[in-house]
Amino acid sequence: MIVPYEVKTGLENMQTDLGLLEKAISEKLKEPIFRLYGWSPACVSLGRNQKDDFLDKDFLKSQKIDVVRRITGGRALLHNDEITYSFICPIEYLKNGDNVTASYKEISQILINGLKKLGIELEFGTQKAVRTKFDYCMLLSTGADLCYKGKKLIGSAQCRKEGYILQHGSIMYDYDSQLLGKIFNEEVSDITSIKEINPKITKEDIVNALQP
């Protein structure tokens, strides 16, 4: 099942992902659900169990940036100039569904194959020691992340419920490093964006390349 690209608020996007997961479970769907979407206004999403005490709520409000909590784990992301994907399937749909890291990689192959059509060759990140002071997801690199020439481009998160997997993640189209620095109180480095890789590629190009 392919859900057409749409732009919604952060709360609407997270409710839609949860609703699709619940639909898959209740209807015992055997085939995956794939969705691409955007965010308006910009929104910080927090991981399921992540504390929010690092956020300056007044600053976010002044910038008209929403805050929402994901049903998946991981750390915070700023969803602004990006395309987000979500993929839902029963665990047995995947060859290695029982293994979390292997299932991340199996699902991420969709992104690798799609962006390859646009001349972007992605590779999985190398596991680095996690510095727990980082609140911003894109500053952490794991073996399940997707990178371009060593810089992180796509960060993903996953949850499992009643035999089903929901994996969603952020494909950076462009970013404002100063804004990210103010929000997360970190120097932003070792990340990249589609616009840095090839400014001629549009969001429409990405959607068309990823949707079968």
N, C-alpha and C. Protein backbone atom coordinates (compact mmCIF):
# COMPACT_ATOMS: atom_id res chain seq x y z
N MET A 1 0.84 -1.20 0.00
CA MET A 1 0.00 0.00 0.00
C MET A 1 0.87 1.25 0.00
N ILE A 2 0.64 2.11 -0.95
CA ILE A 2 1.40 3.37 -1.06
C ILE A 2 0.49 4.52 -0.64
N VAL A 3 0.94 5.31 0.33
CA VAL A 3 0.20 6.50 0.75
C VAL A 3 0.80 7.70 0.03
N PRO A 4 0.03 8.44 -0.75
CA PRO A 4 0.57 9.57 -1.51
C PRO A 4 1.23 10.61 -0.60
N TYR A 5 2.24 11.27 -1.13
CA TYR A 5 2.96 12.33 -0.40
C TYR A 5 1.99 13.41 0.04
N GLU A 6 2.13 13.85 1.29
CA GLU A 6 1.29 14.91 1.82
C GLU A 6 2.07 15.69 2.87
N VAL A 7 1.65 16.93 3.11
CA VAL A 7 2.27 17.78 4.12
C VAL A 7 1.26 18.03 5.23
N LYS A 8 1.66 17.73 6.47
CA LYS A 8 0.77 17.89 7.62
C LYS A 8 1.54 18.49 8.78
N THR A 9 0.82 18.82 9.86
CA THR A 9 1.49 19.25 11.08
C THR A 9 2.19 18.06 11.72
N GLY A 10 3.07 18.34 12.67
CA GLY A 10 3.77 17.26 13.34
C GLY A 10 2.82 16.30 14.05
N LEU A 11 1.83 16.85 14.76
CA LEU A 11 0.88 16.01 15.47
C LEU A 11 0.09 15.15 14.48
N GLU A 12 -0.34 15.74 13.39
CA GLU A 12 -1.10 14.99 12.38
C GLU A 12 -0.25 13.88 11.77
N ASN A 13 1.02 14.19 11.51
CA ASN A 13 1.90 13.17 10.92
C ASN A 13 2.09 11.99 11.86
N MET A 14 2.32 12.25 13.14
CA MET A 14 2.52 11.16 14.08
C MET A 14 1.23 10.38 14.30
N GLN A 15 0.10 11.07 14.30
CA GLN A 15 -1.19 10.38 14.42
C GLN A 15 -1.45 9.50 13.19
N THR A 16 -1.05 10.00 12.02
CA THR A 16 -1.25 9.22 10.79
C THR A 16 -0.39 7.96 10.81
N ASP A 17 0.87 8.08 11.20
CA ASP A 17 1.73 6.90 11.28
C ASP A 17 1.16 5.88 12.27
N LEU A 18 0.73 6.36 13.44
CA LEU A 18 0.16 5.46 14.43
C LEU A 18 -1.12 4.82 13.91
N GLY A 19 -1.94 5.61 13.24
CA GLY A 19 -3.19 5.09 12.69
C GLY A 19 -2.95 4.00 11.65
N LEU A 20 -1.92 4.19 10.82
CA LEU A 20 -1.59 3.18 9.80
C LEU A 20 -1.06 1.91 10.45
N LEU A 21 -0.28 2.07 11.52
CA LEU A 21 0.20 0.89 12.25
C LEU A 21 -0.97 0.12 12.85
N GLU A 22 -1.90 0.85 13.47
CA GLU A 22 -3.07 0.21 14.06
C GLU A 22 -3.94 -0.47 13.00
N LYS A 23 -4.02 0.15 11.83
CA LYS A 23 -4.78 -0.44 10.71
C LYS A 23 -4.14 -1.76 10.28
N ALA A 24 -2.80 -1.75 10.15
CA ALA A 24 -2.09 -2.97 9.74
C ALA A 24 -2.34 -4.10 10.74
N ILE A 25 -2.30 -3.75 12.03
CA ILE A 25 -2.50 -4.75 13.07
C ILE A 25 -3.93 -5.28 13.07
N SER A 26 -4.90 -4.38 13.04
CA SER A 26 -6.30 -4.78 13.14
C SER A 26 -6.77 -5.56 11.91
N GLU A 27 -6.23 -5.21 10.74
CA GLU A 27 -6.63 -5.89 9.51
C GLU A 27 -5.70 -7.03 9.15
N LYS A 28 -4.66 -7.25 10.00
CA LYS A 28 -3.69 -8.32 9.78
C LYS A 28 -3.10 -8.26 8.36
N LEU A 29 -2.70 -7.06 7.98
CA LEU A 29 -2.15 -6.86 6.64
C LEU A 29 -0.87 -7.65 6.44
N LYS A 30 -0.74 -8.26 5.29
CA LYS A 30 0.45 -9.05 4.97
C LYS A 30 1.47 -8.26 4.17
N GLU A 31 0.99 -7.24 3.45
CA GLU A 31 1.86 -6.42 2.61
C GLU A 31 2.21 -5.12 3.34
N PRO A 32 3.34 -4.51 3.01
CA PRO A 32 3.77 -3.29 3.71
C PRO A 32 2.97 -2.05 3.32
N ILE A 33 3.05 -1.06 4.18
CA ILE A 33 2.52 0.28 3.91
C ILE A 33 3.70 1.23 3.83
N PHE A 34 3.78 2.01 2.75
CA PHE A 34 4.89 2.95 2.56
C PHE A 34 4.32 4.34 2.37
N ARG A 35 4.84 5.29 3.14
CA ARG A 35 4.32 6.65 3.12
C ARG A 35 5.47 7.65 3.09
N LEU A 36 5.31 8.72 2.32
CA LEU A 36 6.24 9.85 2.30
C LEU A 36 5.46 11.11 2.68
N TYR A 37 6.09 11.97 3.49
CA TYR A 37 5.36 13.16 3.92
C TYR A 37 6.29 14.30 4.32
N GLY A 38 5.70 15.49 4.40
CA GLY A 38 6.41 16.69 4.84
C GLY A 38 5.74 17.28 6.06
N TRP A 39 6.33 18.34 6.60
CA TRP A 39 5.89 18.95 7.85
C TRP A 39 5.67 20.45 7.67
N SER A 40 4.54 20.93 8.17
CA SER A 40 4.28 22.37 8.20
C SER A 40 3.32 22.66 9.35
N PRO A 41 3.73 23.50 10.31
CA PRO A 41 5.02 24.21 10.38
C PRO A 41 6.15 23.26 10.76
N ALA A 42 7.37 23.81 10.84
CA ALA A 42 8.51 23.02 11.30
C ALA A 42 8.22 22.47 12.69
N CYS A 43 8.83 21.32 12.99
CA CYS A 43 8.48 20.64 14.24
C CYS A 43 9.67 19.85 14.77
N VAL A 44 9.88 19.91 16.07
CA VAL A 44 10.84 19.04 16.73
C VAL A 44 10.09 17.80 17.19
N SER A 45 10.58 16.62 16.78
CA SER A 45 10.00 15.38 17.30
C SER A 45 10.96 14.78 18.32
N LEU A 46 10.39 14.34 19.44
CA LEU A 46 11.16 13.73 20.51
C LEU A 46 10.96 12.22 20.48
N GLY A 47 12.02 11.48 20.80
CA GLY A 47 11.89 10.04 20.91
C GLY A 47 10.93 9.66 22.03
N ARG A 48 10.39 8.47 21.94
CA ARG A 48 9.34 8.02 22.86
C ARG A 48 9.68 8.26 24.33
N ASN A 49 10.91 7.98 24.73
CA ASN A 49 11.29 8.10 26.14
C ASN A 49 12.26 9.25 26.41
N GLN A 50 12.43 10.14 25.44
CA GLN A 50 13.41 11.22 25.57
C GLN A 50 12.87 12.36 26.42
N LYS A 51 13.70 12.88 27.32
CA LYS A 51 13.31 14.05 28.10
C LYS A 51 13.34 15.28 27.21
N ASP A 52 12.54 16.29 27.57
CA ASP A 52 12.48 17.51 26.76
C ASP A 52 13.06 18.71 27.48
N ASP A 53 13.81 18.46 28.57
CA ASP A 53 14.30 19.58 29.37
C ASP A 53 15.40 20.40 28.69
N PHE A 54 15.95 19.89 27.60
CA PHE A 54 16.99 20.64 26.88
C PHE A 54 16.38 21.67 25.93
N LEU A 55 15.09 21.60 25.70
CA LEU A 55 14.46 22.50 24.75
C LEU A 55 14.12 23.85 25.38
N ASP A 56 14.38 24.91 24.63
CA ASP A 56 13.97 26.26 25.01
C ASP A 56 12.60 26.50 24.37
N LYS A 57 11.55 26.25 25.13
CA LYS A 57 10.19 26.33 24.57
C LYS A 57 9.86 27.74 24.06
N ASP A 58 10.36 28.75 24.77
CA ASP A 58 10.09 30.13 24.34
C ASP A 58 10.72 30.42 22.99
N PHE A 59 11.98 29.92 22.81
CA PHE A 59 12.64 30.13 21.53
C PHE A 59 11.89 29.42 20.41
N LEU A 60 11.48 28.18 20.66
CA LEU A 60 10.74 27.43 19.64
C LEU A 60 9.45 28.15 19.28
N LYS A 61 8.77 28.66 20.29
CA LYS A 61 7.52 29.37 20.04
C LYS A 61 7.77 30.63 19.21
N SER A 62 8.88 31.32 19.50
CA SER A 62 9.21 32.53 18.75
C SER A 62 9.51 32.23 17.28
N GLN A 63 9.99 31.00 17.03
CA GLN A 63 10.31 30.58 15.67
C GLN A 63 9.15 29.83 15.00
N LYS A 64 8.03 29.73 15.74
CA LYS A 64 6.83 29.01 15.26
C LYS A 64 7.15 27.56 14.92
N ILE A 65 7.91 26.93 15.82
CA ILE A 65 8.29 25.52 15.67
C ILE A 65 7.51 24.70 16.69
N ASP A 66 6.78 23.71 16.21
CA ASP A 66 6.00 22.83 17.08
C ASP A 66 6.90 21.79 17.74
N VAL A 67 6.34 21.09 18.72
CA VAL A 67 7.01 19.96 19.36
C VAL A 67 6.02 18.81 19.43
N VAL A 68 6.48 17.61 19.08
CA VAL A 68 5.62 16.43 19.14
C VAL A 68 6.46 15.25 19.61
N ARG A 69 5.81 14.25 20.18
CA ARG A 69 6.53 13.05 20.62
C ARG A 69 6.21 11.91 19.66
N ARG A 70 7.26 11.17 19.27
CA ARG A 70 7.09 10.03 18.38
C ARG A 70 6.71 8.77 19.17
N ILE A 71 6.19 7.79 18.46
CA ILE A 71 5.96 6.49 19.08
C ILE A 71 7.21 5.63 18.99
N THR A 72 8.19 6.08 18.24
CA THR A 72 9.45 5.37 18.10
C THR A 72 10.48 5.93 19.08
N GLY A 73 11.55 5.19 19.28
CA GLY A 73 12.59 5.64 20.19
C GLY A 73 13.56 6.59 19.51
N GLY A 74 14.76 6.69 20.08
CA GLY A 74 15.77 7.57 19.51
C GLY A 74 15.73 8.96 20.09
N ARG A 75 16.43 9.86 19.42
CA ARG A 75 16.58 11.23 19.92
C ARG A 75 15.90 12.22 19.00
N ALA A 76 15.94 13.47 19.40
CA ALA A 76 15.14 14.50 18.75
C ALA A 76 15.63 14.83 17.34
N LEU A 77 14.69 15.26 16.53
CA LEU A 77 14.96 15.74 15.18
C LEU A 77 14.18 17.04 14.97
N LEU A 78 14.76 17.92 14.15
CA LEU A 78 14.00 19.06 13.65
C LEU A 78 13.51 18.69 12.26
N HIS A 79 12.20 18.64 12.10
CA HIS A 79 11.60 18.34 10.80
C HIS A 79 11.21 19.66 10.15
N ASN A 80 11.96 20.01 9.13
CA ASN A 80 11.70 21.29 8.48
C ASN A 80 11.78 21.10 6.98
N ASP A 81 12.94 21.30 6.41
CA ASP A 81 13.11 21.18 4.97
C ASP A 81 13.57 19.76 4.66
N GLU A 82 12.65 18.83 4.66
CA GLU A 82 13.01 17.42 4.52
C GLU A 82 11.86 16.64 3.91
N ILE A 83 12.11 15.37 3.64
CA ILE A 83 11.07 14.41 3.31
C ILE A 83 11.19 13.28 4.33
N THR A 84 10.07 12.91 4.92
CA THR A 84 10.06 11.83 5.90
C THR A 84 9.40 10.61 5.26
N TYR A 85 9.92 9.44 5.59
CA TYR A 85 9.31 8.20 5.11
C TYR A 85 8.82 7.39 6.30
N SER A 86 7.82 6.57 6.09
CA SER A 86 7.45 5.56 7.09
C SER A 86 7.14 4.26 6.36
N PHE A 87 7.51 3.17 7.00
CA PHE A 87 7.34 1.83 6.42
C PHE A 87 6.79 0.93 7.52
N ILE A 88 5.69 0.29 7.23
CA ILE A 88 5.03 -0.58 8.20
C ILE A 88 4.85 -1.95 7.58
N CYS A 89 5.19 -2.99 8.32
CA CYS A 89 5.03 -4.35 7.80
C CYS A 89 5.01 -5.35 8.95
N PRO A 90 4.46 -6.55 8.68
CA PRO A 90 4.57 -7.60 9.70
C PRO A 90 6.02 -8.06 9.80
N ILE A 91 6.44 -8.47 10.98
CA ILE A 91 7.82 -8.90 11.19
C ILE A 91 8.21 -9.99 10.19
N GLU A 92 7.29 -10.92 9.93
CA GLU A 92 7.64 -12.05 9.05
C GLU A 92 7.74 -11.65 7.59
N TYR A 93 7.34 -10.42 7.25
CA TYR A 93 7.49 -9.96 5.85
C TYR A 93 8.97 -9.82 5.49
N LEU A 94 9.80 -9.52 6.49
CA LEU A 94 11.22 -9.32 6.26
C LEU A 94 11.99 -10.61 6.45
N LYS A 95 13.08 -10.73 5.73
CA LYS A 95 13.93 -11.92 5.87
C LYS A 95 14.53 -11.99 7.27
N ASN A 96 14.87 -10.81 7.82
CA ASN A 96 15.53 -10.75 9.12
C ASN A 96 14.74 -9.89 10.09
N GLY A 97 13.41 -10.06 10.08
CA GLY A 97 12.55 -9.20 10.87
C GLY A 97 12.78 -9.29 12.37
N ASP A 98 13.23 -10.44 12.84
CA ASP A 98 13.43 -10.61 14.28
C ASP A 98 14.67 -9.88 14.80
N ASN A 99 15.58 -9.55 13.91
CA ASN A 99 16.81 -8.86 14.29
C ASN A 99 16.64 -7.37 14.01
N VAL A 100 16.73 -6.55 15.06
CA VAL A 100 16.44 -5.12 14.92
C VAL A 100 17.37 -4.44 13.91
N THR A 101 18.68 -4.61 14.10
CA THR A 101 19.63 -3.95 13.20
C THR A 101 19.48 -4.43 11.77
N ALA A 102 19.33 -5.74 11.59
CA ALA A 102 19.18 -6.29 10.24
C ALA A 102 17.90 -5.81 9.59
N SER A 103 16.83 -5.66 10.38
CA SER A 103 15.56 -5.18 9.80
C SER A 103 15.66 -3.71 9.40
N TYR A 104 16.39 -2.90 10.18
CA TYR A 104 16.65 -1.52 9.78
C TYR A 104 17.29 -1.49 8.39
N LYS A 105 18.29 -2.31 8.22
CA LYS A 105 19.05 -2.31 6.97
C LYS A 105 18.20 -2.82 5.81
N GLU A 106 17.38 -3.82 6.09
CA GLU A 106 16.54 -4.38 5.04
C GLU A 106 15.53 -3.34 4.54
N ILE A 107 14.89 -2.65 5.47
CA ILE A 107 13.93 -1.61 5.09
C ILE A 107 14.64 -0.44 4.42
N SER A 108 15.82 -0.09 4.92
CA SER A 108 16.56 1.05 4.36
C SER A 108 17.03 0.82 2.94
N GLN A 109 17.03 -0.44 2.51
CA GLN A 109 17.44 -0.73 1.14
C GLN A 109 16.52 -0.05 0.14
N ILE A 110 15.25 0.19 0.54
CA ILE A 110 14.32 0.93 -0.31
C ILE A 110 14.87 2.32 -0.59
N LEU A 111 15.41 2.96 0.43
CA LEU A 111 15.95 4.31 0.29
C LEU A 111 17.23 4.29 -0.53
N ILE A 112 18.07 3.30 -0.30
CA ILE A 112 19.32 3.18 -1.06
C ILE A 112 19.01 3.03 -2.55
N ASN A 113 18.08 2.13 -2.86
CA ASN A 113 17.73 1.88 -4.27
C ASN A 113 17.09 3.10 -4.92
N GLY A 114 16.22 3.79 -4.16
CA GLY A 114 15.53 4.95 -4.71
C GLY A 114 16.46 6.11 -5.00
N LEU A 115 17.32 6.44 -4.04
CA LEU A 115 18.21 7.59 -4.24
C LEU A 115 19.32 7.28 -5.24
N LYS A 116 19.59 6.00 -5.43
CA LYS A 116 20.58 5.62 -6.46
C LYS A 116 20.10 6.04 -7.84
N LYS A 117 18.78 6.05 -8.05
CA LYS A 117 18.22 6.51 -9.33
C LYS A 117 18.56 7.97 -9.60
N LEU A 118 18.82 8.72 -8.53
CA LEU A 118 19.14 10.14 -8.66
C LEU A 118 20.64 10.39 -8.61
N GLY A 119 21.40 9.30 -8.66
CA GLY A 119 22.86 9.42 -8.66
C GLY A 119 23.47 9.58 -7.28
N ILE A 120 22.70 9.28 -6.24
CA ILE A 120 23.21 9.39 -4.87
C ILE A 120 23.47 8.00 -4.32
N GLU A 121 24.73 7.68 -4.11
CA GLU A 121 25.13 6.37 -3.62
C GLU A 121 25.28 6.44 -2.10
N LEU A 122 24.41 5.74 -1.40
CA LEU A 122 24.42 5.76 0.06
C LEU A 122 25.09 4.51 0.63
N GLU A 123 25.57 4.66 1.85
CA GLU A 123 26.18 3.53 2.54
C GLU A 123 25.72 3.57 3.99
N PHE A 124 25.77 2.43 4.65
CA PHE A 124 25.40 2.39 6.05
C PHE A 124 26.51 3.01 6.89
N GLY A 125 26.12 3.68 7.95
CA GLY A 125 27.10 4.31 8.83
C GLY A 125 27.90 3.28 9.59
N THR A 126 29.00 3.73 10.14
CA THR A 126 29.80 2.87 11.00
C THR A 126 29.46 3.18 12.44
N GLN A 127 29.37 2.14 13.21
CA GLN A 127 28.99 2.32 14.61
C GLN A 127 30.06 3.13 15.34
N LYS A 128 29.63 4.22 15.95
CA LYS A 128 30.53 5.05 16.76
C LYS A 128 30.09 4.98 18.21
N ALA A 129 31.01 5.29 19.09
CA ALA A 129 30.64 5.35 20.50
C ALA A 129 29.60 6.45 20.69
N VAL A 130 28.51 6.12 21.37
CA VAL A 130 27.43 7.08 21.58
C VAL A 130 27.80 8.04 22.70
N ARG A 131 27.82 9.33 22.37
CA ARG A 131 28.05 10.35 23.40
C ARG A 131 26.68 10.79 23.88
N THR A 132 26.33 10.39 25.07
CA THR A 132 24.96 10.53 25.53
C THR A 132 24.52 11.98 25.72
N LYS A 133 25.45 12.94 25.71
CA LYS A 133 25.03 14.33 25.86
C LYS A 133 24.33 14.84 24.61
N PHE A 134 24.47 14.17 23.48
CA PHE A 134 23.81 14.61 22.27
C PHE A 134 22.31 14.38 22.35
N ASP A 135 21.54 15.44 22.16
CA ASP A 135 20.09 15.31 22.10
C ASP A 135 19.59 15.23 20.66
N TYR A 136 20.43 15.66 19.70
CA TYR A 136 20.04 15.72 18.30
C TYR A 136 20.42 14.41 17.61
N CYS A 137 19.43 13.75 17.04
CA CYS A 137 19.61 12.43 16.46
C CYS A 137 20.69 12.39 15.38
N MET A 138 20.75 13.42 14.54
CA MET A 138 21.65 13.38 13.39
C MET A 138 23.13 13.45 13.78
N LEU A 139 23.42 13.80 15.04
CA LEU A 139 24.81 13.84 15.49
C LEU A 139 25.30 12.47 15.94
N LEU A 140 24.40 11.49 15.99
CA LEU A 140 24.77 10.14 16.37
C LEU A 140 24.79 9.25 15.15
N SER A 141 25.80 8.40 15.05
CA SER A 141 25.92 7.51 13.91
C SER A 141 25.87 6.06 14.37
N THR A 142 25.01 5.27 13.72
CA THR A 142 24.94 3.85 14.01
C THR A 142 25.05 3.07 12.70
N GLY A 143 25.17 1.78 12.82
CA GLY A 143 25.28 0.94 11.64
C GLY A 143 24.00 0.87 10.83
N ALA A 144 22.90 1.41 11.36
CA ALA A 144 21.63 1.41 10.63
C ALA A 144 21.34 2.74 9.95
N ASP A 145 22.18 3.75 10.17
CA ASP A 145 21.99 5.05 9.52
C ASP A 145 22.51 5.01 8.09
N LEU A 146 22.01 5.92 7.27
CA LEU A 146 22.46 6.02 5.89
C LEU A 146 23.27 7.30 5.70
N CYS A 147 24.44 7.12 5.11
CA CYS A 147 25.39 8.22 4.95
C CYS A 147 25.79 8.39 3.49
N TYR A 148 26.24 9.60 3.18
CA TYR A 148 26.81 9.90 1.86
C TYR A 148 28.23 10.39 2.07
N LYS A 149 29.18 9.64 1.60
CA LYS A 149 30.61 9.96 1.75
C LYS A 149 30.96 10.26 3.21
N GLY A 150 30.45 9.41 4.10
CA GLY A 150 30.79 9.50 5.51
C GLY A 150 29.97 10.47 6.32
N LYS A 151 29.07 11.21 5.68
CA LYS A 151 28.22 12.17 6.41
C LYS A 151 26.78 11.67 6.43
N LYS A 152 26.16 11.79 7.59
CA LYS A 152 24.82 11.26 7.78
C LYS A 152 23.79 12.06 6.98
N LEU A 153 22.95 11.34 6.24
CA LEU A 153 21.90 11.96 5.43
C LEU A 153 20.52 11.56 5.92
N ILE A 154 20.38 10.31 6.38
CA ILE A 154 19.07 9.79 6.79
C ILE A 154 19.19 9.14 8.16
N GLY A 155 18.38 9.61 9.10
CA GLY A 155 18.29 8.99 10.42
C GLY A 155 16.93 8.36 10.59
N SER A 156 16.87 7.16 11.15
CA SER A 156 15.62 6.42 11.26
C SER A 156 15.38 5.95 12.68
N ALA A 157 14.13 5.65 12.97
CA ALA A 157 13.74 5.11 14.28
C ALA A 157 12.68 4.04 14.04
N GLN A 158 12.54 3.15 15.01
CA GLN A 158 11.66 2.00 14.82
C GLN A 158 10.90 1.68 16.10
N CYS A 159 9.71 1.13 15.92
CA CYS A 159 8.99 0.55 17.05
C CYS A 159 8.32 -0.73 16.57
N ARG A 160 7.98 -1.60 17.53
CA ARG A 160 7.35 -2.88 17.22
C ARG A 160 6.12 -3.05 18.10
N LYS A 161 5.05 -3.55 17.50
CA LYS A 161 3.82 -3.76 18.25
C LYS A 161 3.03 -4.92 17.65
N GLU A 162 2.73 -5.88 18.47
CA GLU A 162 1.86 -7.01 18.09
C GLU A 162 2.28 -7.65 16.77
N GLY A 163 3.60 -7.87 16.62
CA GLY A 163 4.10 -8.56 15.44
C GLY A 163 4.31 -7.68 14.22
N TYR A 164 4.19 -6.36 14.40
CA TYR A 164 4.39 -5.43 13.28
C TYR A 164 5.51 -4.45 13.59
N ILE A 165 6.16 -3.97 12.54
CA ILE A 165 7.24 -3.00 12.64
C ILE A 165 6.79 -1.69 12.00
N LEU A 166 7.05 -0.60 12.69
CA LEU A 166 6.94 0.73 12.09
C LEU A 166 8.33 1.34 12.11
N GLN A 167 8.84 1.68 10.94
CA GLN A 167 10.12 2.38 10.85
C GLN A 167 9.88 3.67 10.07
N HIS A 168 10.31 4.78 10.64
CA HIS A 168 10.22 6.04 9.90
C HIS A 168 11.51 6.82 10.09
N GLY A 169 11.74 7.75 9.17
CA GLY A 169 13.00 8.48 9.24
C GLY A 169 13.02 9.72 8.38
N SER A 170 14.02 10.54 8.65
CA SER A 170 14.15 11.87 8.06
C SER A 170 15.20 11.87 6.95
N ILE A 171 14.79 12.28 5.76
CA ILE A 171 15.72 12.47 4.64
C ILE A 171 15.98 13.96 4.52
N MET A 172 17.19 14.37 4.87
CA MET A 172 17.50 15.81 4.91
C MET A 172 17.56 16.38 3.49
N TYR A 173 16.66 17.31 3.20
CA TYR A 173 16.73 18.00 1.91
C TYR A 173 17.62 19.23 2.03
N ASP A 174 17.43 20.01 3.07
CA ASP A 174 18.29 21.15 3.36
C ASP A 174 18.21 21.40 4.86
N TYR A 175 19.15 22.15 5.41
CA TYR A 175 19.11 22.44 6.84
C TYR A 175 19.80 23.75 7.15
N ASP A 176 19.43 24.30 8.30
CA ASP A 176 20.00 25.55 8.80
C ASP A 176 20.84 25.19 10.01
N SER A 177 22.16 25.14 9.85
CA SER A 177 23.03 24.68 10.94
C SER A 177 22.96 25.61 12.14
N GLN A 178 22.78 26.92 11.91
CA GLN A 178 22.68 27.85 13.04
C GLN A 178 21.42 27.61 13.85
N LEU A 179 20.30 27.37 13.17
CA LEU A 179 19.05 27.09 13.86
C LEU A 179 19.15 25.78 14.64
N LEU A 180 19.74 24.77 14.03
CA LEU A 180 19.92 23.48 14.72
C LEU A 180 20.78 23.66 15.96
N GLY A 181 21.83 24.46 15.83
CA GLY A 181 22.72 24.71 16.96
C GLY A 181 22.00 25.37 18.13
N LYS A 182 21.11 26.32 17.80
CA LYS A 182 20.36 27.01 18.86
C LYS A 182 19.36 26.09 19.54
N ILE A 183 18.74 25.22 18.76
CA ILE A 183 17.73 24.32 19.32
C ILE A 183 18.36 23.25 20.19
N PHE A 184 19.45 22.65 19.70
CA PHE A 184 20.03 21.49 20.38
C PHE A 184 21.30 21.79 21.17
N ASN A 185 21.71 23.05 21.17
CA ASN A 185 22.90 23.47 21.93
C ASN A 185 24.12 22.62 21.58
N GLU A 186 24.26 22.31 20.31
CA GLU A 186 25.38 21.51 19.83
C GLU A 186 25.91 22.10 18.53
N GLU A 187 27.19 21.93 18.31
CA GLU A 187 27.75 22.28 17.00
C GLU A 187 27.38 21.18 16.03
N VAL A 188 26.74 21.55 14.93
CA VAL A 188 26.25 20.57 13.98
C VAL A 188 27.32 20.33 12.91
N SER A 189 27.76 19.08 12.81
CA SER A 189 28.77 18.70 11.82
C SER A 189 28.55 17.25 11.42
N ASP A 190 29.27 16.84 10.38
CA ASP A 190 29.21 15.45 9.89
C ASP A 190 27.82 15.03 9.44
N ILE A 191 27.02 16.01 9.00
CA ILE A 191 25.75 15.68 8.35
C ILE A 191 25.76 16.33 6.97
N THR A 192 24.86 15.88 6.12
CA THR A 192 24.76 16.47 4.79
C THR A 192 23.29 16.50 4.38
N SER A 193 23.03 17.03 3.21
CA SER A 193 21.65 17.14 2.72
C SER A 193 21.63 16.90 1.22
N ILE A 194 20.45 16.62 0.71
CA ILE A 194 20.29 16.43 -0.73
C ILE A 194 20.77 17.67 -1.47
N LYS A 195 20.43 18.85 -0.95
CA LYS A 195 20.78 20.10 -1.62
C LYS A 195 22.30 20.29 -1.68
N GLU A 196 23.02 19.84 -0.65
CA GLU A 196 24.48 19.91 -0.69
C GLU A 196 25.05 18.93 -1.70
N ILE A 197 24.42 17.77 -1.80
CA ILE A 197 24.93 16.74 -2.71
C ILE A 197 24.67 17.13 -4.15
N ASN A 198 23.44 17.55 -4.44
CA ASN A 198 23.08 17.96 -5.80
C ASN A 198 21.91 18.94 -5.74
N PRO A 199 22.19 20.25 -5.83
CA PRO A 199 21.13 21.25 -5.69
C PRO A 199 20.08 21.21 -6.80
N LYS A 200 20.32 20.46 -7.86
CA LYS A 200 19.35 20.37 -8.95
C LYS A 200 18.22 19.39 -8.63
N ILE A 201 18.43 18.54 -7.65
CA ILE A 201 17.40 17.56 -7.28
C ILE A 201 16.31 18.24 -6.47
N THR A 202 15.05 18.05 -6.86
CA THR A 202 13.92 18.64 -6.16
C THR A 202 13.27 17.60 -5.22
N LYS A 203 12.42 18.09 -4.34
CA LYS A 203 11.68 17.17 -3.48
C LYS A 203 10.79 16.25 -4.31
N GLU A 204 10.23 16.80 -5.37
CA GLU A 204 9.39 15.98 -6.26
C GLU A 204 10.20 14.85 -6.87
N ASP A 205 11.45 15.14 -7.23
CA ASP A 205 12.33 14.09 -7.77
C ASP A 205 12.51 12.96 -6.76
N ILE A 206 12.70 13.33 -5.49
CA ILE A 206 12.91 12.34 -4.45
C ILE A 206 11.67 11.48 -4.25
N VAL A 207 10.50 12.14 -4.18
CA VAL A 207 9.26 11.39 -4.01
C VAL A 207 9.06 10.41 -5.16
N ASN A 208 9.28 10.87 -6.38
CA ASN A 208 9.11 10.00 -7.55
C ASN A 208 10.10 8.85 -7.56
N ALA A 209 11.32 9.09 -7.08
CA ALA A 209 12.33 8.05 -7.07
C ALA A 209 12.06 6.98 -6.01
N LEU A 210 11.42 7.39 -4.90
CA LEU A 210 11.21 6.46 -3.81
C LEU A 210 9.90 5.70 -3.91
N GLN A 211 8.90 6.30 -4.52
CA GLN A 211 7.62 5.61 -4.64
C GLN A 211 7.63 4.70 -5.87
N PRO A 212 7.35 3.41 -5.68
CA PRO A 212 7.37 2.46 -6.81
C PRO A 212 6.25 2.73 -7.80
